[in-house]
Structures are given as structure tokens and as C-alpha cells.
Amino acid sequence: MTYRICFVCTGNICRSPMAESVFRARVEEAGLAGAVEMDSAGTGGWHEGDGADPRTVAVLEDHGYASAHTARQFRASWFPALDLVIALDEGHQRALRRLAPTPQDAAKVRLLRSYDPAAAGDLDVPDPYYGGRDGFEECLEMVEAASEGLLAAVRENVEERAV
């Protein structure tokens, strides 16, 4: 049975497509591509149908990640098909938990940086949209750091299902 994850930020053009691309690479490197599916979405629909922000694309490509993406808005109806919904900041986490149709669905919502043991206190990945390239580089560093812990958690769940 496939394990399904959706990464969620505000408009689905900066942080969540970055997290999706990085995590997809980690899953492929780990040999779990057939067992794990991921995508991303935004809490709002402002950018639906758009590609990722050009700065996101540039940073991803400069670091060897794929960058194909089309923005979309997260829908409450997706919850039953998802195993994990990864919020990029606490505002997204609150919005997604309010949107969840059941308490079990709300429990699927986790902060990305909660998987980074070195993250202390503030678990938000800051929105780089209104800044320069440095903010996108910082975002990538945070996403990469958390992806290792997320991969370990996902691998454990995938292995438990296989038993």
C-alpha cells in the first residue's frame, strides 16, 4: 500500500514545492519511490495553475533537484487519501487542522521542522517570497535538514505496512 504525503504552504509556489522536490529526491535515493507518493499544495488558491516561483526553481536546480511544478490549493476532501500532511509553518498547520473533517485527519498534520532534531523552538520555515535569493537558500537548508528525519519516520511506517 502506497504511503501518501502532501506538503503545504501558503500559495504552493515557494516552500511546499521545494519540500516536495527535496523529499522526492530523498525517497528515490532511499529506494522507496514505489512505496511513497508525494505532492504539494497551498492553503490558498491565489497561484493555482502557476509554476513555482522562479527563485525556487533556480535554487532547486542549482542544488541538483527537479523543479517541475503546477500550483494548486489543498482540499479537505484529500485527507482520507493522505497518510501525512506536512505544514511548512504553524499558520498552515492551524488552517489545515481546522479544515480536517475528523480528529484523525487533523492528527495527520505535522510541521516539517518537527522532523529536524536540531531545530530548536521556532519550527516555522520562513516564507522567502518577499525577500531575495538568500531567503530561498535558507529555506532549502531547513527543508533538507528536516527531510532526513521525515524520511526515517516515513521509512518506519512503510516497513510496518509491509509486515
N, C-alpha and C. Protein backbone atom coordinates (compact mmCIF):
# COMPACT_ATOMS: atom_id res chain seq x y z
N MET A 1 0.84 -1.18 0.00
CA MET A 1 0.00 0.00 0.00
C MET A 1 0.89 1.25 0.00
N THR A 2 0.59 2.16 -0.87
CA THR A 2 1.39 3.38 -1.03
C THR A 2 1.17 4.34 0.13
N TYR A 3 2.27 4.93 0.60
CA TYR A 3 2.22 5.94 1.66
C TYR A 3 2.16 7.30 0.98
N ARG A 4 1.16 8.12 1.32
CA ARG A 4 0.94 9.39 0.61
C ARG A 4 1.13 10.59 1.54
N ILE A 5 1.91 11.57 1.01
CA ILE A 5 2.25 12.79 1.76
C ILE A 5 1.94 14.00 0.90
N CYS A 6 1.44 15.06 1.52
CA CYS A 6 1.26 16.34 0.84
C CYS A 6 1.92 17.43 1.67
N PHE A 7 2.80 18.20 1.03
CA PHE A 7 3.47 19.34 1.66
C PHE A 7 2.63 20.58 1.38
N VAL A 8 2.40 21.41 2.41
CA VAL A 8 1.50 22.55 2.24
C VAL A 8 2.12 23.83 2.78
N CYS A 9 2.09 24.88 1.93
CA CYS A 9 2.48 26.23 2.36
C CYS A 9 1.33 27.18 1.97
N THR A 10 1.61 28.44 1.79
CA THR A 10 0.55 29.41 1.54
C THR A 10 0.01 29.35 0.12
N GLY A 11 0.87 29.61 -0.86
CA GLY A 11 0.41 29.67 -2.25
C GLY A 11 0.89 28.55 -3.13
N ASN A 12 1.70 27.65 -2.59
CA ASN A 12 2.23 26.49 -3.31
C ASN A 12 3.14 26.89 -4.47
N ILE A 13 3.95 27.95 -4.23
CA ILE A 13 4.92 28.32 -5.25
C ILE A 13 6.35 28.44 -4.72
N CYS A 14 6.54 28.41 -3.39
CA CYS A 14 7.88 28.56 -2.82
C CYS A 14 8.25 27.36 -1.95
N ARG A 15 7.77 27.36 -0.71
CA ARG A 15 8.21 26.37 0.27
C ARG A 15 7.73 24.96 0.01
N SER A 16 6.44 24.78 -0.26
CA SER A 16 5.94 23.40 -0.41
C SER A 16 6.46 22.72 -1.68
N PRO A 17 6.57 23.42 -2.82
CA PRO A 17 7.17 22.71 -3.96
C PRO A 17 8.65 22.40 -3.73
N MET A 18 9.32 23.25 -2.96
CA MET A 18 10.71 22.98 -2.61
C MET A 18 10.79 21.72 -1.75
N ALA A 19 9.94 21.65 -0.73
CA ALA A 19 9.93 20.48 0.15
C ALA A 19 9.57 19.21 -0.63
N GLU A 20 8.62 19.31 -1.53
CA GLU A 20 8.23 18.16 -2.35
C GLU A 20 9.42 17.68 -3.19
N SER A 21 10.11 18.59 -3.84
CA SER A 21 11.25 18.22 -4.70
C SER A 21 12.38 17.58 -3.90
N VAL A 22 12.71 18.18 -2.77
CA VAL A 22 13.79 17.64 -1.94
C VAL A 22 13.40 16.27 -1.41
N PHE A 23 12.18 16.14 -0.91
CA PHE A 23 11.78 14.86 -0.33
C PHE A 23 11.66 13.79 -1.41
N ARG A 24 11.21 14.14 -2.58
CA ARG A 24 11.15 13.18 -3.69
C ARG A 24 12.55 12.61 -3.96
N ALA A 25 13.55 13.48 -3.97
CA ALA A 25 14.93 13.03 -4.20
C ALA A 25 15.37 12.09 -3.08
N ARG A 26 15.03 12.42 -1.82
CA ARG A 26 15.42 11.56 -0.69
C ARG A 26 14.76 10.19 -0.79
N VAL A 27 13.49 10.18 -1.16
CA VAL A 27 12.74 8.93 -1.29
C VAL A 27 13.35 8.07 -2.40
N GLU A 28 13.69 8.69 -3.52
CA GLU A 28 14.30 7.94 -4.62
C GLU A 28 15.66 7.40 -4.21
N GLU A 29 16.49 8.21 -3.54
CA GLU A 29 17.81 7.77 -3.07
C GLU A 29 17.69 6.59 -2.11
N ALA A 30 16.61 6.57 -1.32
CA ALA A 30 16.39 5.52 -0.34
C ALA A 30 15.77 4.26 -0.94
N GLY A 31 15.45 4.30 -2.23
CA GLY A 31 14.84 3.14 -2.87
C GLY A 31 13.38 2.93 -2.51
N LEU A 32 12.71 4.01 -2.10
CA LEU A 32 11.31 3.91 -1.67
C LEU A 32 10.33 4.51 -2.68
N ALA A 33 10.80 4.84 -3.87
CA ALA A 33 9.96 5.54 -4.85
C ALA A 33 8.66 4.80 -5.15
N GLY A 34 8.67 3.49 -5.15
CA GLY A 34 7.46 2.74 -5.43
C GLY A 34 6.50 2.66 -4.26
N ALA A 35 6.98 3.00 -3.08
CA ALA A 35 6.17 2.87 -1.87
C ALA A 35 5.65 4.18 -1.33
N VAL A 36 6.21 5.31 -1.79
CA VAL A 36 5.85 6.63 -1.25
C VAL A 36 5.51 7.57 -2.40
N GLU A 37 4.39 8.24 -2.28
CA GLU A 37 3.99 9.28 -3.24
C GLU A 37 3.90 10.60 -2.50
N MET A 38 4.32 11.68 -3.15
CA MET A 38 4.21 12.98 -2.53
C MET A 38 3.78 14.01 -3.55
N ASP A 39 3.15 15.05 -3.03
CA ASP A 39 2.82 16.21 -3.84
C ASP A 39 2.77 17.41 -2.91
N SER A 40 2.29 18.52 -3.42
CA SER A 40 2.22 19.73 -2.59
C SER A 40 1.03 20.57 -2.99
N ALA A 41 0.68 21.49 -2.11
CA ALA A 41 -0.47 22.36 -2.34
C ALA A 41 -0.34 23.60 -1.45
N GLY A 42 -1.23 24.55 -1.65
CA GLY A 42 -1.26 25.76 -0.85
C GLY A 42 -2.55 25.85 -0.06
N THR A 43 -2.52 26.61 1.03
CA THR A 43 -3.74 26.83 1.79
C THR A 43 -4.69 27.75 1.04
N GLY A 44 -4.14 28.55 0.11
CA GLY A 44 -4.95 29.44 -0.71
C GLY A 44 -4.78 29.13 -2.18
N GLY A 45 -5.70 29.63 -2.99
CA GLY A 45 -5.67 29.32 -4.41
C GLY A 45 -5.15 30.44 -5.30
N TRP A 46 -4.46 31.42 -4.73
CA TRP A 46 -4.02 32.58 -5.49
C TRP A 46 -3.17 32.24 -6.70
N HIS A 47 -2.38 31.18 -6.61
CA HIS A 47 -1.44 30.84 -7.68
C HIS A 47 -1.80 29.56 -8.43
N GLU A 48 -3.02 29.06 -8.25
CA GLU A 48 -3.41 27.81 -8.91
C GLU A 48 -3.10 27.87 -10.39
N GLY A 49 -2.45 26.81 -10.87
CA GLY A 49 -2.09 26.71 -12.28
C GLY A 49 -0.74 27.31 -12.63
N ASP A 50 -0.15 28.08 -11.71
CA ASP A 50 1.16 28.69 -11.95
C ASP A 50 2.27 27.68 -11.65
N GLY A 51 3.43 27.95 -12.20
CA GLY A 51 4.61 27.19 -11.85
C GLY A 51 5.18 27.69 -10.54
N ALA A 52 6.23 27.05 -10.09
CA ALA A 52 6.91 27.51 -8.87
C ALA A 52 7.55 28.87 -9.13
N ASP A 53 7.75 29.62 -8.06
CA ASP A 53 8.43 30.91 -8.14
C ASP A 53 9.78 30.70 -8.82
N PRO A 54 10.18 31.60 -9.74
CA PRO A 54 11.47 31.43 -10.44
C PRO A 54 12.67 31.31 -9.50
N ARG A 55 12.59 31.94 -8.33
CA ARG A 55 13.70 31.82 -7.37
C ARG A 55 13.74 30.42 -6.75
N THR A 56 12.57 29.83 -6.53
CA THR A 56 12.51 28.45 -6.06
C THR A 56 13.13 27.52 -7.09
N VAL A 57 12.72 27.71 -8.34
CA VAL A 57 13.24 26.88 -9.44
C VAL A 57 14.76 27.01 -9.53
N ALA A 58 15.26 28.24 -9.47
CA ALA A 58 16.71 28.47 -9.60
C ALA A 58 17.48 27.80 -8.47
N VAL A 59 17.01 27.94 -7.23
CA VAL A 59 17.70 27.34 -6.09
C VAL A 59 17.65 25.82 -6.18
N LEU A 60 16.49 25.28 -6.51
CA LEU A 60 16.39 23.82 -6.64
C LEU A 60 17.34 23.30 -7.71
N GLU A 61 17.30 23.91 -8.88
CA GLU A 61 18.15 23.44 -9.98
C GLU A 61 19.63 23.61 -9.66
N ASP A 62 19.99 24.71 -9.00
CA ASP A 62 21.40 24.92 -8.63
C ASP A 62 21.90 23.86 -7.65
N HIS A 63 20.98 23.24 -6.93
CA HIS A 63 21.37 22.21 -5.96
C HIS A 63 21.04 20.80 -6.46
N GLY A 64 20.70 20.68 -7.73
CA GLY A 64 20.51 19.37 -8.34
C GLY A 64 19.15 18.73 -8.17
N TYR A 65 18.15 19.52 -7.83
CA TYR A 65 16.79 18.98 -7.66
C TYR A 65 15.93 19.30 -8.87
N ALA A 66 14.96 18.42 -9.13
CA ALA A 66 13.97 18.66 -10.18
C ALA A 66 13.05 19.79 -9.74
N SER A 67 12.49 20.51 -10.71
CA SER A 67 11.67 21.67 -10.33
C SER A 67 10.33 21.76 -11.06
N ALA A 68 9.90 20.73 -11.78
CA ALA A 68 8.61 20.77 -12.46
C ALA A 68 7.49 20.87 -11.43
N HIS A 69 6.56 21.80 -11.63
CA HIS A 69 5.52 22.02 -10.62
C HIS A 69 4.38 22.85 -11.19
N THR A 70 3.17 22.54 -10.73
CA THR A 70 1.99 23.37 -11.01
C THR A 70 1.25 23.57 -9.69
N ALA A 71 1.05 24.82 -9.31
CA ALA A 71 0.43 25.14 -8.02
C ALA A 71 -1.05 24.77 -7.99
N ARG A 72 -1.49 24.38 -6.79
CA ARG A 72 -2.91 24.07 -6.56
C ARG A 72 -3.24 24.30 -5.11
N GLN A 73 -4.53 24.35 -4.82
CA GLN A 73 -4.99 24.60 -3.45
C GLN A 73 -5.36 23.28 -2.78
N PHE A 74 -4.99 23.15 -1.51
CA PHE A 74 -5.33 21.96 -0.74
C PHE A 74 -6.84 21.89 -0.52
N ARG A 75 -7.39 20.70 -0.60
CA ARG A 75 -8.82 20.47 -0.41
C ARG A 75 -9.04 19.51 0.77
N ALA A 76 -10.04 19.80 1.57
CA ALA A 76 -10.37 18.94 2.72
C ALA A 76 -10.68 17.52 2.26
N SER A 77 -11.22 17.37 1.07
CA SER A 77 -11.58 16.05 0.55
C SER A 77 -10.36 15.15 0.31
N TRP A 78 -9.16 15.72 0.34
CA TRP A 78 -7.94 14.92 0.13
C TRP A 78 -7.53 14.15 1.38
N PHE A 79 -7.96 14.59 2.55
CA PHE A 79 -7.49 14.00 3.80
C PHE A 79 -7.58 12.47 3.85
N PRO A 80 -8.72 11.86 3.49
CA PRO A 80 -8.81 10.40 3.61
C PRO A 80 -7.75 9.64 2.81
N ALA A 81 -7.30 10.19 1.70
CA ALA A 81 -6.31 9.51 0.85
C ALA A 81 -4.87 9.75 1.30
N LEU A 82 -4.67 10.66 2.25
CA LEU A 82 -3.32 11.02 2.68
C LEU A 82 -2.97 10.37 4.02
N ASP A 83 -1.69 10.02 4.15
CA ASP A 83 -1.20 9.48 5.41
C ASP A 83 -0.59 10.58 6.27
N LEU A 84 -0.05 11.60 5.60
CA LEU A 84 0.65 12.67 6.30
C LEU A 84 0.48 13.96 5.52
N VAL A 85 0.18 15.04 6.25
CA VAL A 85 0.08 16.37 5.65
C VAL A 85 1.13 17.22 6.36
N ILE A 86 2.11 17.68 5.60
CA ILE A 86 3.25 18.39 6.17
C ILE A 86 3.08 19.90 5.96
N ALA A 87 2.88 20.61 7.05
CA ALA A 87 2.73 22.07 7.03
C ALA A 87 4.11 22.71 7.14
N LEU A 88 4.31 23.83 6.44
CA LEU A 88 5.60 24.50 6.46
C LEU A 88 5.70 25.54 7.57
N ASP A 89 4.57 25.97 8.13
CA ASP A 89 4.63 26.82 9.32
C ASP A 89 3.38 26.62 10.16
N GLU A 90 3.39 27.21 11.36
CA GLU A 90 2.29 27.00 12.30
C GLU A 90 0.96 27.53 11.79
N GLY A 91 0.98 28.60 11.00
CA GLY A 91 -0.25 29.12 10.41
C GLY A 91 -0.89 28.10 9.48
N HIS A 92 -0.06 27.46 8.68
CA HIS A 92 -0.57 26.41 7.79
C HIS A 92 -1.11 25.23 8.60
N GLN A 93 -0.38 24.89 9.65
CA GLN A 93 -0.79 23.78 10.50
C GLN A 93 -2.18 24.05 11.10
N ARG A 94 -2.37 25.25 11.63
CA ARG A 94 -3.68 25.60 12.20
C ARG A 94 -4.78 25.56 11.14
N ALA A 95 -4.51 26.14 9.97
CA ALA A 95 -5.51 26.17 8.89
C ALA A 95 -5.88 24.76 8.44
N LEU A 96 -4.89 23.90 8.31
CA LEU A 96 -5.14 22.53 7.86
C LEU A 96 -5.90 21.74 8.91
N ARG A 97 -5.56 21.94 10.16
CA ARG A 97 -6.29 21.21 11.22
C ARG A 97 -7.74 21.66 11.31
N ARG A 98 -7.99 22.95 11.07
CA ARG A 98 -9.39 23.45 11.04
C ARG A 98 -10.13 22.85 9.85
N LEU A 99 -9.44 22.65 8.75
CA LEU A 99 -10.03 22.12 7.52
C LEU A 99 -10.31 20.62 7.61
N ALA A 100 -9.60 19.93 8.48
CA ALA A 100 -9.70 18.47 8.58
C ALA A 100 -11.12 18.05 8.97
N PRO A 101 -11.69 17.09 8.25
CA PRO A 101 -13.05 16.66 8.54
C PRO A 101 -13.20 15.86 9.84
N THR A 102 -12.13 15.22 10.30
CA THR A 102 -12.21 14.40 11.51
C THR A 102 -10.99 14.66 12.40
N PRO A 103 -11.07 14.32 13.67
CA PRO A 103 -9.88 14.43 14.54
C PRO A 103 -8.72 13.56 14.03
N GLN A 104 -9.03 12.41 13.44
CA GLN A 104 -7.99 11.54 12.89
C GLN A 104 -7.27 12.23 11.74
N ASP A 105 -8.01 12.95 10.92
CA ASP A 105 -7.40 13.69 9.81
C ASP A 105 -6.56 14.85 10.34
N ALA A 106 -7.05 15.53 11.36
CA ALA A 106 -6.28 16.64 11.95
C ALA A 106 -4.96 16.14 12.52
N ALA A 107 -4.95 14.91 13.03
CA ALA A 107 -3.73 14.34 13.60
C ALA A 107 -2.68 14.02 12.54
N LYS A 108 -3.08 13.99 11.28
CA LYS A 108 -2.14 13.73 10.17
C LYS A 108 -1.28 14.95 9.86
N VAL A 109 -1.65 16.12 10.38
CA VAL A 109 -0.96 17.36 10.07
C VAL A 109 0.22 17.55 11.01
N ARG A 110 1.41 17.68 10.44
CA ARG A 110 2.63 17.85 11.22
C ARG A 110 3.46 18.96 10.59
N LEU A 111 4.28 19.62 11.41
CA LEU A 111 5.21 20.63 10.91
C LEU A 111 6.46 19.96 10.36
N LEU A 112 6.93 20.41 9.21
CA LEU A 112 8.12 19.82 8.60
C LEU A 112 9.31 19.84 9.54
N ARG A 113 9.56 20.98 10.17
CA ARG A 113 10.76 21.10 11.00
C ARG A 113 10.66 20.30 12.30
N SER A 114 9.51 19.74 12.59
CA SER A 114 9.40 18.86 13.76
C SER A 114 10.22 17.59 13.54
N TYR A 115 10.61 17.33 12.31
CA TYR A 115 11.42 16.17 11.97
C TYR A 115 12.92 16.49 11.98
N ASP A 116 13.28 17.72 12.31
CA ASP A 116 14.68 18.12 12.38
C ASP A 116 15.09 18.21 13.84
N PRO A 117 15.88 17.25 14.34
CA PRO A 117 16.25 17.27 15.76
C PRO A 117 17.07 18.50 16.15
N ALA A 118 17.68 19.16 15.20
CA ALA A 118 18.49 20.35 15.51
C ALA A 118 17.65 21.63 15.56
N ALA A 119 16.40 21.55 15.09
CA ALA A 119 15.52 22.73 15.12
C ALA A 119 15.09 22.98 16.55
N ALA A 120 15.34 24.16 17.04
CA ALA A 120 15.01 24.49 18.42
C ALA A 120 13.97 25.61 18.45
N GLY A 121 12.94 25.44 19.24
CA GLY A 121 11.95 26.50 19.42
C GLY A 121 11.06 26.70 18.21
N ASP A 122 11.37 27.68 17.39
CA ASP A 122 10.55 28.04 16.24
C ASP A 122 10.68 26.98 15.15
N LEU A 123 9.57 26.31 14.84
CA LEU A 123 9.59 25.24 13.85
C LEU A 123 9.08 25.69 12.48
N ASP A 124 8.87 26.99 12.31
CA ASP A 124 8.41 27.51 11.02
C ASP A 124 9.55 27.55 10.01
N VAL A 125 9.24 27.25 8.77
CA VAL A 125 10.13 27.55 7.65
C VAL A 125 9.66 28.91 7.15
N PRO A 126 10.47 29.96 7.30
CA PRO A 126 10.04 31.31 6.93
C PRO A 126 9.71 31.43 5.44
N ASP A 127 8.70 32.21 5.14
CA ASP A 127 8.30 32.44 3.75
C ASP A 127 9.34 33.32 3.06
N PRO A 128 10.00 32.82 2.02
CA PRO A 128 11.04 33.61 1.35
C PRO A 128 10.50 34.54 0.27
N TYR A 129 9.20 34.51 0.01
CA TYR A 129 8.60 35.18 -1.15
C TYR A 129 8.95 36.67 -1.25
N TYR A 130 8.95 37.39 -0.15
CA TYR A 130 9.15 38.84 -0.21
C TYR A 130 10.60 39.27 -0.08
N GLY A 131 11.51 38.30 -0.09
CA GLY A 131 12.92 38.62 0.03
C GLY A 131 13.70 38.22 -1.21
N GLY A 132 14.99 38.13 -1.04
CA GLY A 132 15.87 37.78 -2.13
C GLY A 132 16.24 36.31 -2.12
N ARG A 133 17.22 35.99 -2.93
CA ARG A 133 17.65 34.60 -3.08
C ARG A 133 18.13 33.99 -1.77
N ASP A 134 18.73 34.78 -0.89
CA ASP A 134 19.23 34.25 0.38
C ASP A 134 18.12 33.56 1.17
N GLY A 135 16.93 34.11 1.14
CA GLY A 135 15.80 33.51 1.84
C GLY A 135 15.43 32.15 1.27
N PHE A 136 15.56 32.01 -0.04
CA PHE A 136 15.26 30.73 -0.69
C PHE A 136 16.34 29.70 -0.36
N GLU A 137 17.58 30.15 -0.29
CA GLU A 137 18.69 29.26 0.11
C GLU A 137 18.49 28.79 1.55
N GLU A 138 18.09 29.72 2.43
CA GLU A 138 17.84 29.37 3.83
C GLU A 138 16.68 28.37 3.93
N CYS A 139 15.66 28.60 3.15
CA CYS A 139 14.51 27.70 3.11
C CYS A 139 14.97 26.30 2.70
N LEU A 140 15.79 26.22 1.66
CA LEU A 140 16.29 24.93 1.20
C LEU A 140 17.09 24.23 2.30
N GLU A 141 17.93 24.96 3.00
CA GLU A 141 18.71 24.36 4.09
C GLU A 141 17.80 23.75 5.16
N MET A 142 16.74 24.47 5.52
CA MET A 142 15.81 23.97 6.53
C MET A 142 15.06 22.74 6.03
N VAL A 143 14.65 22.78 4.78
CA VAL A 143 13.92 21.66 4.19
C VAL A 143 14.82 20.43 4.13
N GLU A 144 16.06 20.61 3.69
CA GLU A 144 16.98 19.48 3.61
C GLU A 144 17.23 18.88 4.99
N ALA A 145 17.43 19.73 5.98
CA ALA A 145 17.71 19.25 7.34
C ALA A 145 16.54 18.43 7.89
N ALA A 146 15.32 18.86 7.65
CA ALA A 146 14.15 18.15 8.16
C ALA A 146 13.82 16.90 7.34
N SER A 147 14.23 16.88 6.09
CA SER A 147 13.89 15.75 5.21
C SER A 147 14.49 14.43 5.67
N GLU A 148 15.65 14.50 6.30
CA GLU A 148 16.28 13.26 6.78
C GLU A 148 15.43 12.60 7.87
N GLY A 149 14.98 13.40 8.83
CA GLY A 149 14.13 12.87 9.89
C GLY A 149 12.77 12.42 9.37
N LEU A 150 12.23 13.18 8.44
CA LEU A 150 10.95 12.79 7.84
C LEU A 150 11.10 11.46 7.10
N LEU A 151 12.19 11.31 6.36
CA LEU A 151 12.42 10.07 5.64
C LEU A 151 12.50 8.89 6.60
N ALA A 152 13.18 9.05 7.72
CA ALA A 152 13.27 7.98 8.70
C ALA A 152 11.89 7.59 9.23
N ALA A 153 11.05 8.58 9.51
CA ALA A 153 9.70 8.31 10.00
C ALA A 153 8.85 7.62 8.94
N VAL A 154 8.96 8.09 7.71
CA VAL A 154 8.18 7.51 6.62
C VAL A 154 8.65 6.07 6.35
N ARG A 155 9.97 5.86 6.34
CA ARG A 155 10.50 4.51 6.11
C ARG A 155 9.96 3.54 7.16
N GLU A 156 9.92 3.99 8.42
CA GLU A 156 9.39 3.15 9.51
C GLU A 156 7.93 2.77 9.24
N ASN A 157 7.13 3.75 8.82
CA ASN A 157 5.72 3.47 8.52
C ASN A 157 5.56 2.54 7.33
N VAL A 158 6.36 2.74 6.31
CA VAL A 158 6.30 1.88 5.11
C VAL A 158 6.68 0.46 5.49
N GLU A 159 7.73 0.30 6.29
CA GLU A 159 8.17 -1.05 6.70
C GLU A 159 7.12 -1.73 7.57
N GLU A 160 6.45 -0.96 8.44
CA GLU A 160 5.40 -1.55 9.29
C GLU A 160 4.25 -2.05 8.44
N ARG A 161 3.92 -1.35 7.39
CA ARG A 161 2.83 -1.77 6.50
C ARG A 161 3.19 -3.02 5.73
N ALA A 162 4.47 -3.21 5.44
CA ALA A 162 4.93 -4.34 4.65
C ALA A 162 4.92 -5.64 5.44
N VAL A 163 4.84 -5.52 6.77
CA VAL A 163 4.90 -6.72 7.62
C VAL A 163 3.56 -7.41 7.66
